[in-house]
Structure formats: C-alpha cells, structure tokens
Amino acid sequence: MMNAYKRFQHQAGVTMIEVMVTLLVVSFGLLALSKLQSQITIAGSISRQRAEATEQAQAKLDIIRNMAFNNISAGGTNCVSSSATGTVATYSFSCAVATCDATTLTCPAPTGTPTSNIVKQVTITTTWAGQDSSATQSVSLNTLISP
C-alpha cells in the first residue's frame, strides 16, 4: 500500500500541466477560428460590393442599349460620368464609346469604313472605395451595339 502512495505522490501536478497545455491548444484554435471568421466577413463584403457594382454598370448598359444607334456617343445624355449610392458603397461611373469596324472589330474604325460595317463599342467602368477606403476597386463591362 505504501508503494501505491509513493507512485501517486510522484505524479502530483502532472494533471494540472496537462490541463494547462490543453487550454493553451484550445485557445490557439479559438483564436485561429475568430481570424477565419473575420476574413470570411471581409470577403463577403467585397463580394457584395463587386456584385452591386456589376448590377449598376449593367443597368447603365441597358439604358444605352435602348437608345437609338446614332444617339450613342461618349458625351451623350446617358453616357456621361456620374455617381450613385448603393446599399454597400458609393459608385462612380465612366463611359467610353468607340466606333468600330464590324468585320475586323478594329477600334476605332479606319477612315473610309462603310457605315453599314460600323458598330459601337460601349465600355462602362464602375469604381468605388475598397474595404479599407484606400484601395480603389473597379469593374468594367463592354458591349458592342449595332444599328
């Protein structure tokens, strides 16, 4: 019986060390999990901003597509720089129109290209301040419009 007592006395405090090491490992795991959660939240926010910017640019392109072909120009009424406030950011738009040769898709169209071979390339670029407001993000959409 005396030997059993000496054996337990020799291991005194070992369980406490095991508990402390376990708590340390669990705390590092929880810290890593919270870091992962914050990264997922940031990525979700950036994704929402990009989706909303694409929607806004698509809406601008749809307005321009519904215009008469001859009225589409870079300085036209619906193709000017503007801004809009979305649900997650404020977006700025710029519009560029190039006249292209439809057979070769050369922009701008070379001089002397028949008017029957002309298409217009419209580019809408949407920009907004990034997550930390220091990096500017942008999305560009292009389309060709024929008469």
Protein backbone atom coordinates (compact mmCIF):
# COMPACT_ATOMS: atom_id res chain seq x y z
CA MET A 1 0.00 0.00 0.00
CA MET A 2 2.90 2.27 0.68
CA ASN A 3 4.25 1.79 -2.84
CA ALA A 4 0.96 2.91 -4.39
CA TYR A 5 1.02 6.09 -2.32
CA LYS A 6 4.56 6.92 -3.41
CA ARG A 7 3.59 6.35 -7.04
CA PHE A 8 0.72 8.89 -6.81
CA GLN A 9 2.86 11.35 -4.91
CA HIS A 10 5.46 11.25 -7.69
CA GLN A 11 2.81 12.20 -10.29
CA ALA A 12 1.38 15.09 -8.27
CA GLY A 13 0.78 18.14 -10.51
CA VAL A 14 1.03 16.26 -13.82
CA THR A 15 -2.73 16.51 -14.37
CA MET A 16 -2.57 20.28 -13.82
CA ILE A 17 0.13 20.61 -16.51
CA GLU A 18 -1.95 18.52 -18.93
CA VAL A 19 -4.98 20.77 -18.32
CA MET A 20 -2.89 23.91 -18.92
CA VAL A 21 -1.49 22.53 -22.20
CA THR A 22 -4.99 21.56 -23.31
CA LEU A 23 -6.30 25.05 -22.54
CA LEU A 24 -3.40 26.55 -24.49
CA VAL A 25 -4.12 24.39 -27.55
CA VAL A 26 -7.86 25.14 -27.40
CA SER A 27 -7.24 28.89 -27.04
CA PHE A 28 -4.98 28.89 -30.13
CA GLY A 29 -7.68 27.02 -32.02
CA LEU A 30 -10.34 29.56 -31.00
CA LEU A 31 -8.04 32.43 -31.95
CA ALA A 32 -7.49 30.92 -35.41
CA LEU A 33 -11.23 30.36 -35.78
CA SER A 34 -12.00 34.01 -34.97
CA LYS A 35 -9.39 35.15 -37.52
CA LEU A 36 -11.01 32.91 -40.14
CA GLN A 37 -14.43 34.35 -39.33
CA SER A 38 -13.20 37.93 -39.79
CA GLN A 39 -11.60 37.03 -43.14
CA ILE A 40 -14.85 35.44 -44.31
CA THR A 41 -16.78 38.56 -43.29
CA ILE A 42 -14.40 40.83 -45.23
CA ALA A 43 -14.54 38.57 -48.30
CA GLY A 44 -18.35 38.60 -48.16
CA SER A 45 -18.40 42.40 -48.01
CA ILE A 46 -16.07 42.70 -51.00
CA SER A 47 -18.21 40.22 -52.91
CA ARG A 48 -21.38 42.22 -52.18
CA GLN A 49 -19.69 45.43 -53.35
CA ARG A 50 -18.50 43.82 -56.59
CA ALA A 51 -21.93 42.31 -57.29
CA GLU A 52 -23.67 45.63 -56.70
CA ALA A 53 -21.13 47.47 -58.89
CA THR A 54 -21.73 44.97 -61.69
CA GLU A 55 -25.51 45.40 -61.34
CA GLN A 56 -25.18 49.18 -61.52
CA ALA A 57 -22.95 49.00 -64.62
CA GLN A 58 -25.32 46.52 -66.27
CA ALA A 59 -28.24 48.90 -65.66
CA LYS A 60 -26.28 51.72 -67.35
CA LEU A 61 -25.52 49.46 -70.34
CA ASP A 62 -29.19 48.50 -70.63
CA ILE A 63 -30.18 52.18 -70.81
CA ILE A 64 -27.62 52.80 -73.55
CA ARG A 65 -28.67 49.67 -75.49
CA ASN A 66 -32.24 51.01 -75.64
CA MET A 67 -31.09 54.27 -77.25
CA ALA A 68 -31.11 54.95 -80.98
CA PHE A 69 -27.77 53.92 -82.52
CA ASN A 70 -26.97 57.44 -83.77
CA ASN A 71 -27.58 58.93 -80.30
CA ILE A 72 -24.92 56.77 -78.62
CA SER A 73 -21.81 58.85 -78.02
CA ALA A 74 -19.32 59.40 -75.22
CA GLY A 75 -20.76 62.81 -74.45
CA GLY A 76 -24.37 61.72 -74.91
CA THR A 77 -27.07 62.17 -72.31
CA ASN A 78 -26.84 58.66 -70.84
CA CYS A 79 -23.13 58.12 -71.39
CA VAL A 80 -21.58 60.63 -69.01
CA SER A 81 -19.60 60.27 -65.81
CA SER A 82 -21.91 60.03 -62.83
CA SER A 83 -22.20 58.51 -59.38
CA ALA A 84 -24.77 56.54 -57.42
CA THR A 85 -25.09 55.42 -53.83
CA GLY A 86 -25.77 51.73 -53.44
CA THR A 87 -26.61 49.74 -50.34
CA VAL A 88 -22.97 48.92 -49.52
CA ALA A 89 -20.89 51.65 -51.26
CA THR A 90 -20.95 54.78 -53.41
CA TYR A 91 -20.10 54.08 -57.04
CA SER A 92 -18.68 56.32 -59.77
CA PHE A 93 -19.32 55.56 -63.42
CA SER A 94 -17.40 56.48 -66.53
CA CYS A 95 -18.50 55.74 -70.06
CA ALA A 96 -16.46 55.34 -73.24
CA VAL A 97 -17.79 54.86 -76.77
CA ALA A 98 -15.65 53.81 -79.72
CA THR A 99 -16.79 53.38 -83.31
CA CYS A 100 -15.50 50.06 -84.64
CA ASP A 101 -15.30 48.20 -87.93
CA ALA A 102 -17.71 45.27 -87.57
CA THR A 103 -15.84 42.98 -89.97
CA THR A 104 -12.44 43.22 -88.28
CA LEU A 105 -13.52 44.58 -84.86
CA THR A 106 -10.91 47.28 -85.23
CA CYS A 107 -11.49 50.19 -82.86
CA PRO A 108 -11.56 52.98 -83.85
CA ALA A 109 -12.83 52.17 -87.33
CA PRO A 110 -10.35 53.07 -90.06
CA THR A 111 -11.18 56.07 -92.23
CA GLY A 112 -13.32 55.09 -95.16
CA THR A 113 -15.10 52.20 -93.43
CA PRO A 114 -18.60 51.91 -94.91
CA THR A 115 -21.31 52.97 -92.46
CA SER A 116 -23.01 49.61 -92.94
CA ASN A 117 -19.98 47.96 -91.29
CA ILE A 118 -19.92 50.20 -88.20
CA VAL A 119 -20.68 49.08 -84.65
CA LYS A 120 -20.17 50.96 -81.40
CA GLN A 121 -18.23 49.56 -78.50
CA VAL A 122 -19.52 50.87 -75.18
CA THR A 123 -17.46 50.45 -72.02
CA ILE A 124 -18.89 51.26 -68.60
CA THR A 125 -16.36 51.37 -65.77
CA THR A 126 -17.62 51.42 -62.20
CA THR A 127 -15.24 52.40 -59.40
CA TRP A 128 -15.67 52.55 -55.63
CA ALA A 129 -13.57 52.80 -52.47
CA GLY A 130 -12.42 49.43 -51.24
CA GLN A 131 -12.92 47.86 -47.82
CA ASP A 132 -10.26 50.00 -46.14
CA SER A 133 -11.09 53.09 -48.26
CA SER A 134 -7.50 53.27 -49.51
CA ALA A 135 -7.67 50.85 -52.42
CA THR A 136 -9.97 51.75 -55.30
CA GLN A 137 -11.86 48.82 -56.80
CA SER A 138 -13.30 48.76 -60.32
CA VAL A 139 -15.45 46.70 -62.66
CA SER A 140 -15.64 47.25 -66.43
CA LEU A 141 -18.35 45.95 -68.75
CA ASN A 142 -18.07 46.09 -72.55
CA THR A 143 -20.66 45.58 -75.24
CA LEU A 144 -20.94 46.01 -78.99
CA ILE A 145 -24.04 47.73 -80.34
CA SER A 146 -25.03 47.54 -83.98
CA PRO A 147 -27.54 49.73 -85.82
